Amino acid sequence: MRRLLCNLLLLGLVAPCLADAEPRPGHMVYVRTIDPSIEQDIRYAGAHNFTGHPLDGYAAPECLLSLEAAKALSRVQTALRAQGYGLKVFDCYRPSRAVADMGRFATQPGDPLKAEFYPRLDKKDFWRLGYVARVSNHSKGSTVDLTLTGPGALPADTWSPSAPQVDCTAPYGQRWHDGALDMGTGFDCFDEPAHTDSLTINALARKNRQVLSSAMEKEGFSGYSKEWWHFTYSRDETLKNVMDFPITPLASASVLDGSHQLIVVTSKHWTDTHGTAQRYERQGDTFRKFEAPFPVMLGKSGLAWGKGLTRIDPNDEPSKHEGDGKAPAGIFKLGTAFGYDTTAETRLPYLALTPTLECVDDSQSSRYNELVDSATATKDWSSSEHMRSMDELYRKGIVVEHNTPPSPASGSCIFLHIWRAPNAPTLGCTAMDPADISRLFSWLDPRQSPLLIQMPEAQYERLRESWHLPER
């Protein structure tokens, strides 16, 4: 019946076929709202996968997981980033209709991408050999397919149907470039070298697999012997039910779903350099103000829409660019705390700044918008902020995950930090009195998925209802 409705939709005879679909359960969240630094290349939302077509139920290239699994994956990302690595996900929650779509493909004629994904296998053997399941843990919100990124990875290619098909077991430089490190094979490679403990891959690929597996296992994810990329979160016994709600684009109203702490910063106008910050804590389905508001200083040129958790059309309103002197407007995840002291009283991950730590603001660098140790990193940048040479401004600070992962020239090195003076604007950060940044250090809890919401008052009021923002 669903396929009939979709066919009628193409003729303009009925409303969209997903309109009456199963709703997204409350425990399922968009991973980018929990950790936007995790890269996404959702293969089943497009045609670059073993079936050669987008799977049923993938109406958007988005990764969704249960809240606890998403938080655990974010902890993996934090640990890996401290080692210079990162995560890129290929698939997360998978509607059961997509699993059925895979099953139909395996029984129907045609092998459009066989030469890349299963050159030595007959697709009728997918189930027998364990590459395709009739009931998938992906449909329970507990399983993720992913890979490891880091320095030295070949840049990701852009796929098109005309791209040449190269065996997924071919050497790293020859097979499809997915932007990840050498893991021995490509994703969805149905062949023996893709088995987690395969001895047919090179030593570097084995090391990369071990780095990924160790980081995932520490946070409760179990691997799968047939697929090095496949991990299931095992610390939430409630994830037992198969789901079939469709994957749809992230609505701005969903961004706050997993958060229990907010910092809301507003200014009178786009060009104002002064703002007011108010903290909120979740109580049930709403947010309530926590303690008194406090003043902040914004960029010397005010605010402009930045690259955060929300996708908006700024129309004739300003968009942030590198070096524009504007603080980013939008909704942003908060990252690590940092400072001059060796340790700090905070539940946030903490980075003690050293004389060689720099934040790279050269958009041509492979380390753009990253904190790096210039004493150990291969330097490919011509411009950066030296984190220990900013007077007292960075004695205490918190990373704002703006433009993460980075787009060239969209703005970098955005922090909450100490102000130079109560009337001194910044180059694009949000600055405050030392006592207020200390209160944030003590209050913020990464387990509560804290967010920074920042924009002029008029835009806040215009978006408040549709984004489910708290009353000011």
Protein backbone atom coordinates (compact mmCIF):
# COMPACT_ATOMS: atom_id res chain seq x y z
CA MET A 1 0.00 0.00 0.00
CA ARG A 2 2.85 2.41 0.88
CA ARG A 3 4.41 1.93 -2.56
CA LEU A 4 1.04 2.63 -4.20
CA LEU A 5 0.73 5.89 -2.26
CA CYS A 6 4.25 6.91 -3.24
CA ASN A 7 3.52 6.20 -6.89
CA LEU A 8 0.36 8.31 -6.68
CA LEU A 9 2.43 11.06 -5.10
CA LEU A 10 4.58 11.21 -8.21
CA LEU A 11 1.40 11.94 -10.15
CA GLY A 12 0.43 14.68 -7.69
CA LEU A 13 -2.70 12.81 -6.56
CA VAL A 14 -2.05 12.45 -2.81
CA ALA A 15 -0.19 14.14 0.01
CA PRO A 16 3.46 13.11 0.68
CA CYS A 17 3.76 9.40 1.39
CA LEU A 18 5.71 10.02 4.63
CA ALA A 19 3.09 12.35 6.08
CA ASP A 20 1.29 9.62 8.06
CA ALA A 21 4.43 7.58 8.78
CA GLU A 22 5.43 6.29 12.21
CA PRO A 23 6.69 9.25 14.32
CA ARG A 24 10.24 9.43 15.65
CA PRO A 25 10.33 8.05 19.23
CA GLY A 26 11.45 10.45 21.94
CA HIS A 27 14.61 8.49 22.78
CA MET A 28 15.93 8.76 19.19
CA VAL A 29 18.07 11.82 18.43
CA TYR A 30 19.98 13.30 15.53
CA VAL A 31 23.66 12.69 16.27
CA ARG A 32 24.66 16.10 14.90
CA THR A 33 22.67 17.69 17.76
CA ILE A 34 24.81 15.77 20.25
CA ASP A 35 28.16 16.08 18.47
CA PRO A 36 28.41 18.03 15.20
CA SER A 37 32.14 17.24 14.95
CA ILE A 38 31.33 13.64 13.94
CA GLU A 39 31.42 13.62 10.14
CA GLN A 40 28.57 12.02 8.20
CA ASP A 41 28.48 10.26 4.83
CA ILE A 42 25.14 8.44 5.01
CA ARG A 43 25.49 6.04 2.11
CA TYR A 44 21.99 4.56 2.03
CA ALA A 45 20.44 8.00 1.49
CA GLY A 46 22.12 8.01 -1.93
CA ALA A 47 23.09 5.52 -4.60
CA HIS A 48 26.74 4.93 -3.61
CA ASN A 49 26.13 1.69 -1.73
CA PHE A 50 26.03 -2.00 -2.59
CA THR A 51 22.45 -1.80 -3.93
CA GLY A 52 23.13 1.12 -6.27
CA HIS A 53 20.00 3.02 -5.14
CA PRO A 54 18.75 5.05 -2.11
CA LEU A 55 17.05 2.72 0.33
CA ASP A 56 13.40 2.99 1.31
CA GLY A 57 12.96 5.21 4.39
CA TYR A 58 16.03 7.40 3.86
CA ALA A 59 14.47 10.78 3.09
CA ALA A 60 17.54 12.63 4.42
CA PRO A 61 21.26 11.85 4.89
CA GLU A 62 21.11 11.97 8.69
CA CYS A 63 22.53 9.78 11.47
CA LEU A 64 20.07 9.01 14.28
CA LEU A 65 20.75 6.89 17.36
CA SER A 66 19.24 6.43 20.80
CA LEU A 67 20.21 9.27 23.11
CA GLU A 68 22.49 7.10 25.24
CA ALA A 69 24.20 5.57 22.20
CA ALA A 70 24.69 9.05 20.69
CA LYS A 71 26.24 10.35 23.92
CA ALA A 72 28.54 7.33 24.06
CA LEU A 73 29.58 7.92 20.45
CA SER A 74 30.35 11.54 21.32
CA ARG A 75 32.61 10.35 24.14
CA VAL A 76 34.42 8.13 21.63
CA GLN A 77 34.87 11.16 19.38
CA THR A 78 36.27 13.23 22.26
CA ALA A 79 38.79 10.53 23.13
CA LEU A 80 39.86 10.06 19.52
CA ARG A 81 40.23 13.78 18.86
CA ALA A 82 42.66 13.98 21.77
CA GLN A 83 44.78 11.48 19.83
CA GLY A 84 44.47 13.36 16.53
CA TYR A 85 41.75 11.10 15.06
CA GLY A 86 38.02 11.46 14.44
CA LEU A 87 34.90 9.57 13.38
CA LYS A 88 32.93 9.50 10.14
CA VAL A 89 29.63 7.61 10.12
CA PHE A 90 28.20 5.78 7.09
CA ASP A 91 24.96 4.50 8.64
CA CYS A 92 23.17 4.64 12.00
CA TYR A 93 19.48 3.97 12.62
CA ARG A 94 18.06 2.05 9.66
CA PRO A 95 14.27 1.84 9.16
CA SER A 96 13.05 -1.76 8.93
CA ARG A 97 11.63 -0.92 5.50
CA ALA A 98 15.23 -0.26 4.39
CA VAL A 99 16.26 -3.70 5.66
CA ALA A 100 13.43 -5.15 3.58
CA ASP A 101 14.64 -3.11 0.62
CA MET A 102 18.08 -4.74 0.95
CA GLY A 103 16.38 -8.13 1.00
CA ARG A 104 14.44 -7.41 -2.18
CA PHE A 105 17.64 -6.30 -3.90
CA ALA A 106 19.33 -9.58 -3.05
CA THR A 107 16.56 -11.56 -4.76
CA GLN A 108 16.06 -9.41 -7.87
CA PRO A 109 18.11 -9.25 -11.08
CA GLY A 110 20.80 -6.61 -11.46
CA ASP A 111 24.17 -5.81 -9.87
CA PRO A 112 24.85 -2.11 -10.64
CA LEU A 113 27.81 -1.73 -8.24
CA LYS A 114 28.98 -5.33 -7.87
CA ALA A 115 32.48 -4.50 -9.17
CA GLU A 116 33.09 -2.18 -6.23
CA PHE A 117 31.28 -3.77 -3.28
CA TYR A 118 31.13 -7.55 -3.85
CA PRO A 119 33.18 -8.48 -6.97
CA ARG A 120 33.74 -12.10 -5.87
CA LEU A 121 30.35 -12.81 -4.33
CA ASP A 122 26.92 -13.81 -5.62
CA LYS A 123 24.37 -11.57 -3.91
CA LYS A 124 22.07 -14.50 -3.15
CA ASP A 125 24.71 -15.48 -0.55
CA PHE A 126 24.51 -12.17 1.39
CA TRP A 127 22.47 -13.71 4.23
CA ARG A 128 24.30 -17.03 4.41
CA LEU A 129 27.65 -15.28 4.74
CA GLY A 130 26.42 -12.73 7.29
CA TYR A 131 26.71 -9.54 5.27
CA VAL A 132 22.98 -8.72 5.30
CA ALA A 133 20.57 -9.45 8.17
CA ARG A 134 16.85 -10.14 7.93
CA VAL A 135 16.38 -8.22 11.20
CA SER A 136 19.02 -5.59 11.89
CA ASN A 137 20.17 -4.02 15.18
CA HIS A 138 20.43 -0.83 13.15
CA SER A 139 16.62 -0.72 13.30
CA LYS A 140 16.76 -0.70 17.12
CA GLY A 141 18.79 2.53 17.25
CA SER A 142 21.83 0.86 18.79
CA THR A 143 24.14 0.21 15.85
CA VAL A 144 26.43 2.42 13.80
CA ASP A 145 28.69 1.88 10.77
CA LEU A 146 31.72 4.15 10.82
CA THR A 147 35.38 4.72 10.07
CA LEU A 148 38.42 6.59 11.35
CA THR A 149 39.65 9.95 10.08
CA GLY A 150 42.90 11.74 10.80
CA PRO A 151 45.99 13.42 9.37
CA GLY A 152 47.30 11.63 6.30
CA ALA A 153 43.89 10.56 5.03
CA LEU A 154 43.33 11.10 1.33
CA PRO A 155 40.66 13.78 0.66
CA ALA A 156 37.16 12.47 0.07
CA ASP A 157 36.03 12.17 -3.54
CA THR A 158 32.60 13.24 -4.76
CA TRP A 159 30.70 10.26 -6.10
CA SER A 160 28.59 10.22 -9.25
CA PRO A 161 27.06 7.32 -11.22
CA SER A 162 29.79 7.78 -13.83
CA ALA A 163 32.60 7.21 -11.30
CA PRO A 164 34.74 4.18 -12.19
CA GLN A 165 34.14 1.12 -10.03
CA VAL A 166 37.25 -0.07 -8.20
CA ASP A 167 37.37 -3.24 -6.12
CA CYS A 168 36.84 -2.32 -2.45
CA THR A 169 39.79 -4.53 -1.49
CA ALA A 170 42.20 -2.70 -3.82
CA PRO A 171 45.15 -0.80 -2.28
CA TYR A 172 44.24 2.35 -0.35
CA GLY A 173 45.31 4.81 -3.01
CA GLN A 174 43.39 3.01 -5.77
CA ARG A 175 39.98 2.28 -4.25
CA TRP A 176 37.26 4.84 -3.53
CA HIS A 177 38.56 7.76 -1.41
CA ASP A 178 36.05 8.21 1.42
CA GLY A 179 38.10 10.77 3.38
CA ALA A 180 39.15 8.22 6.00
CA LEU A 181 42.41 6.55 6.93
CA ASP A 182 43.40 3.19 5.44
CA MET A 183 41.17 0.60 7.11
CA GLY A 184 42.11 -2.25 4.78
CA THR A 185 38.97 -2.09 2.62
CA GLY A 186 36.21 0.33 1.79
CA PHE A 187 32.84 0.46 3.58
CA ASP A 188 30.29 -2.26 2.79
CA CYS A 189 32.99 -4.42 1.28
CA PHE A 190 31.57 -7.94 1.22
CA ASP A 191 34.82 -9.88 1.22
CA GLU A 192 37.20 -11.62 3.61
CA PRO A 193 39.63 -8.65 4.00
CA ALA A 194 36.72 -6.72 5.58
CA HIS A 195 36.53 -9.22 8.44
CA THR A 196 37.65 -7.43 11.59
CA ASP A 197 40.62 -9.69 12.35
CA SER A 198 41.68 -10.34 8.76
CA LEU A 199 45.41 -10.96 8.33
CA THR A 200 45.31 -10.16 4.61
CA ILE A 201 45.45 -6.38 5.17
CA ASN A 202 48.58 -4.31 5.77
CA ALA A 203 50.01 -3.41 9.18
CA LEU A 204 48.87 0.23 9.07
CA ALA A 205 45.27 -0.77 8.35
CA ARG A 206 45.38 -3.30 11.22
CA LYS A 207 46.64 -0.55 13.52
CA ASN A 208 43.88 1.82 12.44
CA ARG A 209 41.24 -0.85 13.03
CA GLN A 210 42.66 -1.44 16.50
CA VAL A 211 42.55 2.29 17.33
CA LEU A 212 38.90 2.43 16.27
CA SER A 213 37.87 -0.80 18.01
CA SER A 214 39.61 0.09 21.28
CA ALA A 215 37.99 3.53 21.44
CA MET A 216 34.54 2.11 20.67
CA GLU A 217 34.81 -0.78 23.13
CA LYS A 218 35.77 1.55 26.00
CA GLU A 219 32.40 3.27 25.64
CA GLY A 220 30.31 0.11 25.40
CA PHE A 221 30.24 -0.65 21.67
CA SER A 222 30.79 -4.21 20.47
CA GLY A 223 32.21 -4.97 17.04
CA TYR A 224 31.10 -7.52 14.45
CA SER A 225 33.55 -10.11 13.12
CA LYS A 226 32.45 -9.86 9.45
CA GLU A 227 32.57 -6.02 9.17
CA TRP A 228 35.28 -3.82 10.70
CA TRP A 229 32.97 -0.76 10.46
CA HIS A 230 29.99 -2.25 12.39
CA PHE A 231 29.48 -1.56 16.13
CA THR A 232 26.50 -2.06 18.44
CA TYR A 233 25.98 -0.16 21.70
CA SER A 234 25.58 -2.79 24.42
CA ARG A 235 24.96 -0.75 27.59
CA ASP A 236 21.28 0.04 27.01
CA GLU A 237 19.14 -3.07 27.44
CA THR A 238 15.97 -1.13 26.60
CA LEU A 239 16.89 -0.99 22.90
CA LYS A 240 14.98 -4.12 21.93
CA ASN A 241 12.28 -2.92 19.54
CA VAL A 242 12.65 -2.70 15.78
CA MET A 243 11.52 0.69 14.44
CA ASP A 244 10.33 1.82 11.03
CA PHE A 245 9.98 5.61 11.22
CA PRO A 246 11.52 7.36 8.18
CA ILE A 247 14.73 9.38 8.37
CA THR A 248 13.71 12.95 7.60
CA PRO A 249 15.66 16.25 7.55
CA LEU A 250 16.59 17.64 10.95
CA ALA A 251 13.98 20.19 12.00
CA SER A 252 15.26 23.12 14.04
CA ALA A 253 12.72 22.23 16.73
CA SER A 254 14.53 18.91 17.27
CA VAL A 255 17.91 20.46 18.03
CA LEU A 256 17.18 20.98 21.73
CA ASP A 257 15.76 17.48 22.29
CA GLY A 258 18.84 16.00 23.94
CA SER A 259 19.94 19.09 25.86
CA HIS A 260 19.33 19.86 29.54
CA GLN A 261 21.48 23.00 29.84
CA LEU A 262 21.32 26.14 27.69
CA ILE A 263 23.23 29.41 27.59
CA VAL A 264 21.13 31.97 25.70
CA VAL A 265 22.96 35.09 24.52
CA THR A 266 21.00 37.91 22.88
CA SER A 267 21.85 41.41 21.62
CA LYS A 268 19.62 44.31 20.56
CA HIS A 269 20.75 44.35 16.91
CA TRP A 270 23.09 42.52 14.49
CA THR A 271 25.80 45.19 14.87
CA ASP A 272 25.71 45.51 18.68
CA THR A 273 28.83 44.49 20.56
CA HIS A 274 27.08 44.15 23.94
CA GLY A 275 24.87 41.19 24.85
CA THR A 276 23.16 39.48 27.75
CA ALA A 277 23.56 35.82 28.73
CA GLN A 278 21.00 33.75 30.61
CA ARG A 279 21.39 30.15 31.75
CA TYR A 280 18.54 27.62 31.58
CA GLU A 281 17.99 24.11 32.92
CA ARG A 282 15.48 21.60 31.61
CA GLN A 283 12.49 20.71 33.75
CA GLY A 284 10.42 18.08 31.96
CA ASP A 285 9.51 19.35 28.51
CA THR A 286 10.44 22.98 29.24
CA PHE A 287 13.44 25.07 30.24
CA ARG A 288 13.54 27.36 33.28
CA LYS A 289 15.95 30.19 34.00
CA PHE A 290 18.87 29.38 36.26
CA GLU A 291 20.20 32.21 38.41
CA ALA A 292 20.59 35.79 37.15
CA PRO A 293 21.60 36.98 33.65
CA PHE A 294 25.04 38.48 33.10
CA PRO A 295 26.62 40.82 30.52
CA VAL A 296 28.85 39.63 27.67
CA MET A 297 30.85 41.25 24.90
CA LEU A 298 30.46 40.09 21.31
CA GLY A 299 32.47 40.57 18.10
CA LYS A 300 33.65 44.05 17.20
CA SER A 301 31.26 43.92 14.21
CA GLY A 302 28.40 42.27 16.11
CA LEU A 303 26.81 38.98 15.09
CA ALA A 304 26.27 36.98 11.89
CA TRP A 305 24.68 33.58 11.21
CA GLY A 306 27.28 30.89 11.80
CA LYS A 307 27.61 27.17 11.03
CA GLY A 308 26.16 25.26 13.95
CA LEU A 309 23.44 22.72 14.64
CA THR A 310 20.74 24.51 12.63
CA ARG A 311 20.46 25.07 8.91
CA ILE A 312 18.79 28.37 8.11
CA ASP A 313 18.35 30.63 5.12
CA PRO A 314 19.73 33.97 6.31
CA ASN A 315 18.10 35.83 3.38
CA ASP A 316 19.48 39.38 3.56
CA GLU A 317 20.86 38.90 7.09
CA PRO A 318 24.63 38.51 7.55
CA SER A 319 26.55 35.22 7.31
CA LYS A 320 29.78 34.70 9.20
CA HIS A 321 33.13 34.53 7.38
CA GLU A 322 36.74 34.24 8.48
CA GLY A 323 38.12 37.51 9.82
CA ASP A 324 34.83 39.45 9.76
CA GLY A 325 34.96 40.37 13.45
CA LYS A 326 31.50 38.89 14.04
CA ALA A 327 30.46 36.38 16.68
CA PRO A 328 28.43 33.47 15.25
CA ALA A 329 24.64 33.43 15.65
CA GLY A 330 22.80 30.12 15.86
CA ILE A 331 22.81 27.04 18.11
CA PHE A 332 26.15 25.48 18.97
CA LYS A 333 27.50 22.59 20.99
CA LEU A 334 30.07 23.42 23.66
CA GLY A 335 33.35 21.54 23.57
CA THR A 336 36.37 21.32 25.82
CA ALA A 337 37.26 23.82 28.52
CA PHE A 338 40.80 25.18 28.54
CA GLY A 339 43.02 27.42 30.61
CA TYR A 340 46.42 28.27 32.01
CA ASP A 341 46.10 26.12 35.13
CA THR A 342 47.17 22.49 35.09
CA THR A 343 43.76 21.38 36.34
CA ALA A 344 40.37 23.07 36.73
CA GLU A 345 37.18 22.55 38.73
CA THR A 346 34.91 21.59 35.85
CA ARG A 347 33.13 18.50 34.58
CA LEU A 348 33.90 19.50 31.00
CA PRO A 349 36.91 17.89 29.36
CA TYR A 350 39.81 20.20 30.21
CA LEU A 351 42.89 21.16 28.19
CA ALA A 352 45.82 22.82 29.98
CA LEU A 353 47.31 25.33 27.54
CA THR A 354 51.03 25.17 26.78
CA PRO A 355 53.23 27.70 24.93
CA THR A 356 53.11 25.56 21.77
CA LEU A 357 49.32 25.18 21.53
CA GLU A 358 47.83 27.09 18.60
CA CYS A 359 44.37 27.46 17.07
CA VAL A 360 44.70 27.39 13.28
CA ASP A 361 42.77 30.12 11.43
CA ASP A 362 44.37 29.57 8.01
CA SER A 363 41.49 28.13 5.95
CA GLN A 364 43.96 26.52 3.51
CA SER A 365 45.36 24.31 6.26
CA SER A 366 44.29 20.71 6.85
CA ARG A 367 44.11 21.68 10.56
CA TYR A 368 41.83 24.69 10.03
CA ASN A 369 39.71 25.49 13.10
CA GLU A 370 41.62 23.03 15.29
CA LEU A 371 43.67 23.35 18.45
CA VAL A 372 47.04 21.80 17.66
CA ASP A 373 50.41 21.43 19.36
CA SER A 374 52.89 23.03 16.97
CA ALA A 375 55.72 21.15 18.67
CA THR A 376 54.44 17.82 17.36
CA ALA A 377 52.15 18.61 14.41
CA THR A 378 53.32 18.91 10.81
CA LYS A 379 52.84 22.62 10.17
CA ASP A 380 50.90 23.51 7.02
CA TRP A 381 49.41 26.83 8.18
CA SER A 382 50.56 30.45 7.94
CA SER A 383 48.20 31.95 10.49
CA SER A 384 47.08 30.90 13.98
CA GLU A 385 46.30 32.10 17.49
CA HIS A 386 48.94 31.27 20.10
CA MET A 387 46.74 30.27 23.00
CA ARG A 388 49.20 31.28 25.76
CA SER A 389 49.95 34.74 24.31
CA MET A 390 46.46 36.25 24.69
CA ASP A 391 47.18 38.08 28.00
CA GLU A 392 44.56 36.94 30.51
CA LEU A 393 41.80 36.35 27.93
CA TYR A 394 42.36 32.60 27.70
CA ARG A 395 43.17 31.99 31.35
CA LYS A 396 39.77 30.30 31.31
CA GLY A 397 37.78 29.49 28.19
CA ILE A 398 35.41 27.05 26.52
CA VAL A 399 35.44 25.95 22.87
CA VAL A 400 32.29 26.81 20.90
CA GLU A 401 31.88 24.15 18.22
CA HIS A 402 31.19 26.57 15.39
CA ASN A 403 32.03 25.44 11.85
CA THR A 404 32.67 21.86 13.02
CA PRO A 405 33.61 19.99 10.86
CA PRO A 406 35.16 23.03 9.17
CA SER A 407 34.16 24.60 5.89
CA PRO A 408 36.94 26.80 4.46
CA ALA A 409 36.70 30.49 5.38
CA SER A 410 33.48 30.07 7.41
CA GLY A 411 35.10 31.17 10.67
CA SER A 412 37.40 29.57 13.22
CA CYS A 413 38.62 29.56 16.81
CA ILE A 414 35.38 30.65 18.49
CA PHE A 415 35.41 30.55 22.29
CA LEU A 416 33.70 31.71 25.44
CA HIS A 417 36.47 33.48 27.34
CA ILE A 418 37.41 36.30 29.73
CA TRP A 419 36.87 39.84 28.46
CA ARG A 420 39.65 42.39 28.14
CA ALA A 421 37.36 45.00 29.69
CA PRO A 422 33.57 45.43 30.18
CA ASN A 423 33.40 47.57 27.03
CA ALA A 424 36.02 45.81 24.88
CA PRO A 425 34.53 43.79 21.96
CA THR A 426 36.21 40.65 20.62
CA LEU A 427 37.39 39.43 17.23
CA GLY A 428 34.43 37.02 17.07
CA CYS A 429 34.20 35.28 20.42
CA THR A 430 31.82 35.85 23.35
CA ALA A 431 33.66 37.30 26.35
CA MET A 432 32.63 37.88 29.95
CA ASP A 433 33.78 38.73 33.48
CA PRO A 434 36.19 36.17 35.01
CA ALA A 435 33.65 35.35 37.74
CA ASP A 436 31.02 34.46 35.10
CA ILE A 437 33.31 32.16 33.12
CA SER A 438 34.21 30.46 36.44
CA ARG A 439 30.51 29.92 37.14
CA LEU A 440 30.14 28.32 33.69
CA PHE A 441 33.09 26.04 34.45
CA SER A 442 31.36 24.82 37.61
CA TRP A 443 27.84 24.59 36.17
CA LEU A 444 28.29 23.01 32.74
CA ASP A 445 28.02 19.24 32.60
CA PRO A 446 28.75 17.39 29.31
CA ARG A 447 26.28 14.68 30.37
CA GLN A 448 23.55 17.32 30.02
CA SER A 449 24.54 18.09 26.39
CA PRO A 450 24.84 21.86 26.97
CA LEU A 451 24.23 24.24 24.08
CA LEU A 452 24.96 27.89 23.31
CA ILE A 453 22.09 29.79 21.62
CA GLN A 454 23.16 33.18 20.33
CA MET A 455 21.37 35.77 18.14
CA PRO A 456 19.76 39.23 18.14
CA GLU A 457 16.50 39.63 20.08
CA ALA A 458 14.30 40.07 17.00
CA GLN A 459 15.57 36.88 15.39
CA TYR A 460 15.19 35.00 18.67
CA GLU A 461 11.54 36.01 18.98
CA ARG A 462 10.88 35.20 15.32
CA LEU A 463 12.31 31.69 15.70
CA ARG A 464 11.31 30.97 19.29
CA GLU A 465 8.13 29.01 18.59
CA SER A 466 9.35 27.02 15.60
CA TRP A 467 12.69 26.18 17.28
CA HIS A 468 11.06 25.52 20.71
CA LEU A 469 13.35 28.08 22.35
CA PRO A 470 12.64 29.09 25.97
CA GLU A 471 11.03 32.42 26.78
CA ARG A 472 13.54 35.17 27.47
